[in-house]
């Protein structure tokens, strides 16, 4: 017998979708920055794979709602903030300052909104 999480509707559901989209954007931003900052074709490919993979592992281990060792608040928020800030700095270093700023703002806003309206905190 399996139990599933309750479906969130309305604004709380929207916030959870927005959070998921920002998580995907985080991975895409890290892949893009990794590809642009590698310094050669092989290093570009390695960066495009390793950077988002590392972020995904961190997220899965301590941030994700179903993580076995989910970090408590405020540690989890600080980790989310650090991941989005890292992606923003990497994108900025890759010449994509506006993209980095937008990603960081959207990611942190989604993290805050989840804790306020979707009761994920």
N, C-alpha and C. Protein backbone atom coordinates (compact mmCIF):
# COMPACT_ATOMS: atom_id res chain seq x y z
N UNK A 1 0.84 -1.17 0.00
CA UNK A 1 0.00 0.00 0.00
C UNK A 1 0.89 1.25 0.00
N UNK A 2 0.63 2.14 -0.90
CA UNK A 2 1.43 3.36 -0.97
C UNK A 2 0.59 4.54 -0.53
N UNK A 3 1.26 5.47 0.08
CA UNK A 3 0.59 6.71 0.44
C UNK A 3 1.21 7.82 -0.38
N UNK A 4 0.39 8.70 -0.82
CA UNK A 4 0.89 9.81 -1.61
C UNK A 4 0.66 11.10 -0.86
N UNK A 5 1.46 12.07 -1.19
CA UNK A 5 1.34 13.38 -0.56
C UNK A 5 0.04 14.03 -1.03
N UNK A 6 -0.55 14.83 -0.18
CA UNK A 6 -1.78 15.51 -0.60
C UNK A 6 -1.49 16.49 -1.75
N UNK A 7 -2.42 16.58 -2.65
CA UNK A 7 -2.27 17.48 -3.79
C UNK A 7 -2.55 18.90 -3.31
N UNK A 8 -1.65 19.80 -3.64
CA UNK A 8 -1.84 21.20 -3.27
C UNK A 8 -2.45 21.94 -4.45
N UNK A 9 -3.48 22.67 -4.20
CA UNK A 9 -4.16 23.40 -5.26
C UNK A 9 -4.07 24.91 -4.99
N UNK A 10 -4.53 25.66 -5.95
CA UNK A 10 -4.54 27.11 -5.79
C UNK A 10 -3.16 27.70 -5.78
N UNK A 11 -2.99 28.74 -4.98
CA UNK A 11 -1.72 29.45 -4.95
C UNK A 11 -0.59 28.57 -4.44
N UNK A 12 -0.86 27.72 -3.45
CA UNK A 12 0.18 26.83 -2.92
C UNK A 12 0.67 25.87 -4.01
N UNK A 13 -0.24 25.37 -4.81
CA UNK A 13 0.15 24.50 -5.93
C UNK A 13 0.98 25.26 -6.95
N UNK A 14 0.59 26.48 -7.25
CA UNK A 14 1.35 27.32 -8.17
C UNK A 14 2.77 27.55 -7.66
N UNK A 15 2.89 27.80 -6.37
CA UNK A 15 4.20 28.04 -5.78
C UNK A 15 5.08 26.80 -5.91
N UNK A 16 4.51 25.62 -5.70
CA UNK A 16 5.29 24.39 -5.83
C UNK A 16 5.73 24.16 -7.27
N UNK A 17 4.88 24.49 -8.22
CA UNK A 17 5.27 24.38 -9.63
C UNK A 17 6.40 25.38 -9.94
N UNK A 18 6.25 26.60 -9.43
CA UNK A 18 7.29 27.62 -9.65
C UNK A 18 8.62 27.17 -9.03
N UNK A 19 8.55 26.54 -7.88
CA UNK A 19 9.77 26.04 -7.25
C UNK A 19 10.43 24.98 -8.12
N UNK A 20 9.61 24.06 -8.65
CA UNK A 20 10.16 23.01 -9.51
C UNK A 20 10.81 23.61 -10.75
N UNK A 21 10.17 24.62 -11.33
CA UNK A 21 10.73 25.27 -12.52
C UNK A 21 12.05 25.95 -12.17
N UNK A 22 12.13 26.59 -11.01
CA UNK A 22 13.39 27.23 -10.63
C UNK A 22 14.48 26.19 -10.35
N UNK A 23 14.10 25.03 -9.83
CA UNK A 23 15.09 23.95 -9.64
C UNK A 23 15.66 23.51 -10.99
N UNK A 24 14.79 23.35 -11.97
CA UNK A 24 15.26 22.98 -13.31
C UNK A 24 16.13 24.09 -13.91
N UNK A 25 15.73 25.34 -13.68
CA UNK A 25 16.52 26.47 -14.19
C UNK A 25 17.88 26.52 -13.51
N UNK A 26 17.93 26.15 -12.23
CA UNK A 26 19.21 26.09 -11.52
C UNK A 26 20.15 25.10 -12.21
N UNK A 27 19.64 23.92 -12.51
CA UNK A 27 20.46 22.90 -13.17
C UNK A 27 20.88 23.36 -14.56
N UNK A 28 19.96 23.96 -15.29
CA UNK A 28 20.29 24.46 -16.63
C UNK A 28 21.31 25.58 -16.57
N UNK A 29 21.17 26.47 -15.61
CA UNK A 29 22.12 27.57 -15.46
C UNK A 29 23.52 27.07 -15.12
N UNK A 30 23.58 26.08 -14.24
CA UNK A 30 24.89 25.51 -13.91
C UNK A 30 25.50 24.78 -15.10
N UNK A 31 24.68 24.11 -15.87
CA UNK A 31 25.18 23.43 -17.08
C UNK A 31 25.71 24.45 -18.08
N UNK A 32 24.97 25.52 -18.27
CA UNK A 32 25.39 26.56 -19.21
C UNK A 32 26.69 27.21 -18.75
N UNK A 33 26.75 27.57 -17.48
CA UNK A 33 27.97 28.20 -16.96
C UNK A 33 29.14 27.23 -17.03
N UNK A 34 28.91 25.99 -16.68
CA UNK A 34 29.97 24.99 -16.74
C UNK A 34 30.49 24.81 -18.16
N UNK A 35 29.59 24.85 -19.12
CA UNK A 35 30.00 24.70 -20.52
C UNK A 35 30.78 25.92 -21.01
N UNK A 36 30.45 27.09 -20.52
CA UNK A 36 31.11 28.31 -21.00
C UNK A 36 32.41 28.60 -20.27
N UNK A 37 32.59 28.05 -19.09
CA UNK A 37 33.78 28.37 -18.30
C UNK A 37 34.84 27.29 -18.30
N UNK A 38 34.64 26.24 -19.07
CA UNK A 38 35.56 25.12 -19.05
C UNK A 38 36.93 25.40 -19.58
N UNK A 39 37.05 26.19 -20.63
CA UNK A 39 38.35 26.51 -21.17
C UNK A 39 38.83 25.58 -22.26
N UNK A 40 38.00 24.73 -22.73
CA UNK A 40 38.32 23.79 -23.80
C UNK A 40 37.14 22.86 -23.98
N UNK A 41 37.07 22.21 -25.10
CA UNK A 41 35.90 21.38 -25.40
C UNK A 41 35.68 20.32 -24.33
N UNK A 42 36.70 19.59 -23.98
CA UNK A 42 36.55 18.53 -22.98
C UNK A 42 36.13 19.10 -21.63
N UNK A 43 36.78 20.17 -21.19
CA UNK A 43 36.43 20.79 -19.91
C UNK A 43 35.05 21.44 -19.95
N UNK A 44 34.66 21.95 -21.12
CA UNK A 44 33.30 22.49 -21.27
C UNK A 44 32.27 21.40 -21.03
N UNK A 45 32.50 20.25 -21.62
CA UNK A 45 31.57 19.12 -21.46
C UNK A 45 31.54 18.64 -20.02
N UNK A 46 32.72 18.50 -19.42
CA UNK A 46 32.80 18.06 -18.03
C UNK A 46 32.08 19.05 -17.12
N UNK A 47 32.32 20.33 -17.31
CA UNK A 47 31.66 21.35 -16.49
C UNK A 47 30.15 21.34 -16.67
N UNK A 48 29.70 21.14 -17.90
CA UNK A 48 28.27 21.13 -18.18
C UNK A 48 27.58 19.93 -17.55
N UNK A 49 28.32 18.89 -17.27
CA UNK A 49 27.74 17.69 -16.66
C UNK A 49 27.94 17.68 -15.14
N UNK A 50 29.15 17.98 -14.70
CA UNK A 50 29.50 17.85 -13.29
C UNK A 50 28.82 18.90 -12.42
N UNK A 51 28.81 20.15 -12.85
CA UNK A 51 28.23 21.21 -12.01
C UNK A 51 26.77 20.95 -11.68
N UNK A 52 25.90 20.72 -12.68
CA UNK A 52 24.51 20.45 -12.32
C UNK A 52 24.33 19.12 -11.58
N UNK A 53 25.17 18.13 -11.90
CA UNK A 53 25.06 16.85 -11.20
C UNK A 53 25.36 17.02 -9.72
N UNK A 54 26.38 17.80 -9.40
CA UNK A 54 26.73 18.05 -8.00
C UNK A 54 25.58 18.77 -7.28
N UNK A 55 25.01 19.77 -7.93
CA UNK A 55 23.88 20.49 -7.32
C UNK A 55 22.69 19.56 -7.13
N UNK A 56 22.43 18.69 -8.10
CA UNK A 56 21.31 17.75 -7.99
C UNK A 56 21.51 16.77 -6.84
N UNK A 57 22.74 16.33 -6.65
CA UNK A 57 23.03 15.42 -5.54
C UNK A 57 22.81 16.12 -4.20
N UNK A 58 23.30 17.34 -4.08
CA UNK A 58 23.10 18.09 -2.84
C UNK A 58 21.61 18.28 -2.57
N UNK A 59 20.89 18.67 -3.62
CA UNK A 59 19.45 18.90 -3.49
C UNK A 59 18.74 17.62 -3.06
N UNK A 60 19.06 16.52 -3.73
CA UNK A 60 18.40 15.25 -3.44
C UNK A 60 18.70 14.73 -2.04
N UNK A 61 19.91 14.97 -1.56
CA UNK A 61 20.30 14.45 -0.26
C UNK A 61 19.74 15.23 0.92
N UNK A 62 19.67 16.57 0.80
CA UNK A 62 19.33 17.35 1.99
C UNK A 62 18.24 18.41 1.80
N UNK A 63 17.84 18.69 0.58
CA UNK A 63 16.85 19.75 0.36
C UNK A 63 15.49 19.19 -0.06
N UNK A 64 15.48 18.18 -0.90
CA UNK A 64 14.24 17.65 -1.47
C UNK A 64 13.28 17.18 -0.37
N UNK A 65 11.97 17.36 -0.61
CA UNK A 65 10.98 16.95 0.40
C UNK A 65 11.08 15.48 0.80
N UNK A 66 11.51 14.61 -0.10
CA UNK A 66 11.61 13.19 0.22
C UNK A 66 13.03 12.74 0.56
N UNK A 67 13.92 13.68 0.81
CA UNK A 67 15.30 13.33 1.17
C UNK A 67 15.32 12.56 2.48
N UNK A 68 16.12 11.50 2.53
CA UNK A 68 16.19 10.68 3.74
C UNK A 68 16.80 11.45 4.91
N UNK A 69 17.73 12.35 4.61
CA UNK A 69 18.37 13.16 5.65
C UNK A 69 18.12 14.63 5.38
N UNK A 70 16.87 14.99 5.24
CA UNK A 70 16.50 16.36 4.92
C UNK A 70 16.99 17.31 6.02
N UNK A 71 17.68 18.35 5.60
CA UNK A 71 18.21 19.32 6.56
C UNK A 71 17.06 20.10 7.20
N UNK A 72 17.23 20.48 8.45
CA UNK A 72 16.21 21.29 9.11
C UNK A 72 16.31 22.74 8.65
N UNK A 73 15.27 23.49 8.93
CA UNK A 73 15.33 24.94 8.69
C UNK A 73 16.16 25.56 9.79
N UNK A 74 16.91 26.59 9.60
CA UNK A 74 17.10 27.34 8.38
C UNK A 74 18.23 26.80 7.50
N UNK A 75 18.83 25.69 7.91
CA UNK A 75 19.94 25.13 7.13
C UNK A 75 19.53 24.85 5.69
N UNK A 76 18.34 24.29 5.52
CA UNK A 76 17.87 23.97 4.17
C UNK A 76 17.72 25.23 3.33
N UNK A 77 17.19 26.28 3.90
CA UNK A 77 17.06 27.54 3.15
C UNK A 77 18.43 28.10 2.79
N UNK A 78 19.36 28.02 3.72
CA UNK A 78 20.72 28.53 3.46
C UNK A 78 21.36 27.74 2.32
N UNK A 79 21.16 26.43 2.30
CA UNK A 79 21.69 25.60 1.21
C UNK A 79 21.07 25.99 -0.13
N UNK A 80 19.76 26.18 -0.15
CA UNK A 80 19.09 26.61 -1.38
C UNK A 80 19.64 27.95 -1.84
N UNK A 81 19.74 28.89 -0.90
CA UNK A 81 20.28 30.21 -1.23
C UNK A 81 21.68 30.08 -1.81
N UNK A 82 22.52 29.25 -1.17
CA UNK A 82 23.90 29.07 -1.63
C UNK A 82 23.95 28.47 -3.04
N UNK A 83 23.09 27.52 -3.32
CA UNK A 83 23.08 26.92 -4.66
C UNK A 83 22.68 27.94 -5.72
N UNK A 84 21.64 28.71 -5.45
CA UNK A 84 21.22 29.73 -6.42
C UNK A 84 22.25 30.85 -6.53
N UNK A 85 22.88 31.23 -5.43
CA UNK A 85 23.92 32.25 -5.49
C UNK A 85 25.12 31.76 -6.27
N UNK A 86 25.50 30.51 -6.09
CA UNK A 86 26.61 29.92 -6.84
C UNK A 86 26.32 29.92 -8.32
N UNK A 87 25.10 29.52 -8.68
CA UNK A 87 24.72 29.52 -10.10
C UNK A 87 24.74 30.94 -10.66
N UNK A 88 24.26 31.90 -9.88
CA UNK A 88 24.26 33.29 -10.34
C UNK A 88 25.68 33.80 -10.55
N UNK A 89 26.57 33.49 -9.63
CA UNK A 89 27.96 33.92 -9.77
C UNK A 89 28.63 33.24 -10.96
N UNK A 90 28.34 31.96 -11.15
CA UNK A 90 28.92 31.24 -12.29
C UNK A 90 28.40 31.81 -13.60
N UNK A 91 27.11 32.09 -13.68
CA UNK A 91 26.55 32.68 -14.90
C UNK A 91 27.13 34.07 -15.14
N UNK A 92 27.32 34.82 -14.08
CA UNK A 92 27.92 36.14 -14.21
C UNK A 92 29.35 36.03 -14.74
N UNK A 93 30.11 35.09 -14.20
CA UNK A 93 31.49 34.88 -14.67
C UNK A 93 31.52 34.42 -16.12
N UNK A 94 30.45 33.78 -16.56
CA UNK A 94 30.35 33.31 -17.94
C UNK A 94 29.83 34.40 -18.87
N UNK A 95 29.64 35.61 -18.34
CA UNK A 95 29.17 36.72 -19.17
C UNK A 95 27.67 36.85 -19.25
N UNK A 96 26.96 36.18 -18.36
CA UNK A 96 25.49 36.21 -18.37
C UNK A 96 24.97 36.77 -17.04
N UNK A 97 25.36 38.01 -16.76
CA UNK A 97 25.01 38.64 -15.49
C UNK A 97 23.51 38.72 -15.27
N UNK A 98 22.78 39.22 -16.24
CA UNK A 98 21.32 39.36 -16.08
C UNK A 98 20.66 38.02 -15.85
N UNK A 99 21.07 37.01 -16.59
CA UNK A 99 20.52 35.67 -16.42
C UNK A 99 20.79 35.17 -15.01
N UNK A 100 22.00 35.39 -14.52
CA UNK A 100 22.34 34.97 -13.17
C UNK A 100 21.53 35.67 -12.11
N UNK A 101 21.36 36.97 -12.26
CA UNK A 101 20.57 37.73 -11.29
C UNK A 101 19.12 37.26 -11.30
N UNK A 102 18.55 37.09 -12.49
CA UNK A 102 17.16 36.63 -12.59
C UNK A 102 16.98 35.25 -11.97
N UNK A 103 17.93 34.36 -12.21
CA UNK A 103 17.85 33.02 -11.64
C UNK A 103 17.90 33.08 -10.12
N UNK A 104 18.83 33.86 -9.59
CA UNK A 104 18.96 33.95 -8.14
C UNK A 104 17.71 34.54 -7.50
N UNK A 105 17.19 35.61 -8.08
CA UNK A 105 15.99 36.25 -7.52
C UNK A 105 14.81 35.29 -7.58
N UNK A 106 14.61 34.64 -8.72
CA UNK A 106 13.49 33.71 -8.86
C UNK A 106 13.63 32.52 -7.91
N UNK A 107 14.83 31.98 -7.81
CA UNK A 107 15.05 30.82 -6.94
C UNK A 107 14.84 31.13 -5.47
N UNK A 108 15.38 32.24 -5.02
CA UNK A 108 15.22 32.61 -3.62
C UNK A 108 13.77 33.00 -3.33
N UNK A 109 13.13 33.70 -4.26
CA UNK A 109 11.72 34.05 -4.08
C UNK A 109 10.85 32.79 -3.99
N UNK A 110 11.13 31.81 -4.82
CA UNK A 110 10.37 30.55 -4.77
C UNK A 110 10.62 29.83 -3.46
N UNK A 111 11.86 29.85 -2.98
CA UNK A 111 12.18 29.20 -1.71
C UNK A 111 11.42 29.85 -0.55
N UNK A 112 11.35 31.16 -0.57
CA UNK A 112 10.61 31.88 0.47
C UNK A 112 9.11 31.60 0.35
N UNK A 113 8.60 31.67 -0.87
CA UNK A 113 7.17 31.45 -1.09
C UNK A 113 6.73 30.06 -0.66
N UNK A 114 7.57 29.07 -0.90
CA UNK A 114 7.23 27.71 -0.49
C UNK A 114 7.09 27.63 1.02
N UNK A 115 7.98 28.28 1.72
CA UNK A 115 7.93 28.23 3.16
C UNK A 115 6.73 29.00 3.73
N UNK A 116 6.31 30.03 3.04
CA UNK A 116 5.20 30.85 3.51
C UNK A 116 3.84 30.26 3.13
N UNK A 117 3.68 29.89 1.86
CA UNK A 117 2.34 29.51 1.40
C UNK A 117 2.13 28.02 1.21
N UNK A 118 3.18 27.29 0.90
CA UNK A 118 3.00 25.86 0.65
C UNK A 118 3.36 25.02 1.88
N UNK A 119 3.72 25.68 2.95
CA UNK A 119 4.05 25.02 4.21
C UNK A 119 5.08 23.93 4.06
N UNK A 120 6.17 24.27 3.32
CA UNK A 120 7.24 23.29 3.14
C UNK A 120 8.36 23.52 4.13
N UNK A 121 8.30 24.56 4.91
CA UNK A 121 9.39 24.90 5.80
C UNK A 121 9.32 24.16 7.06
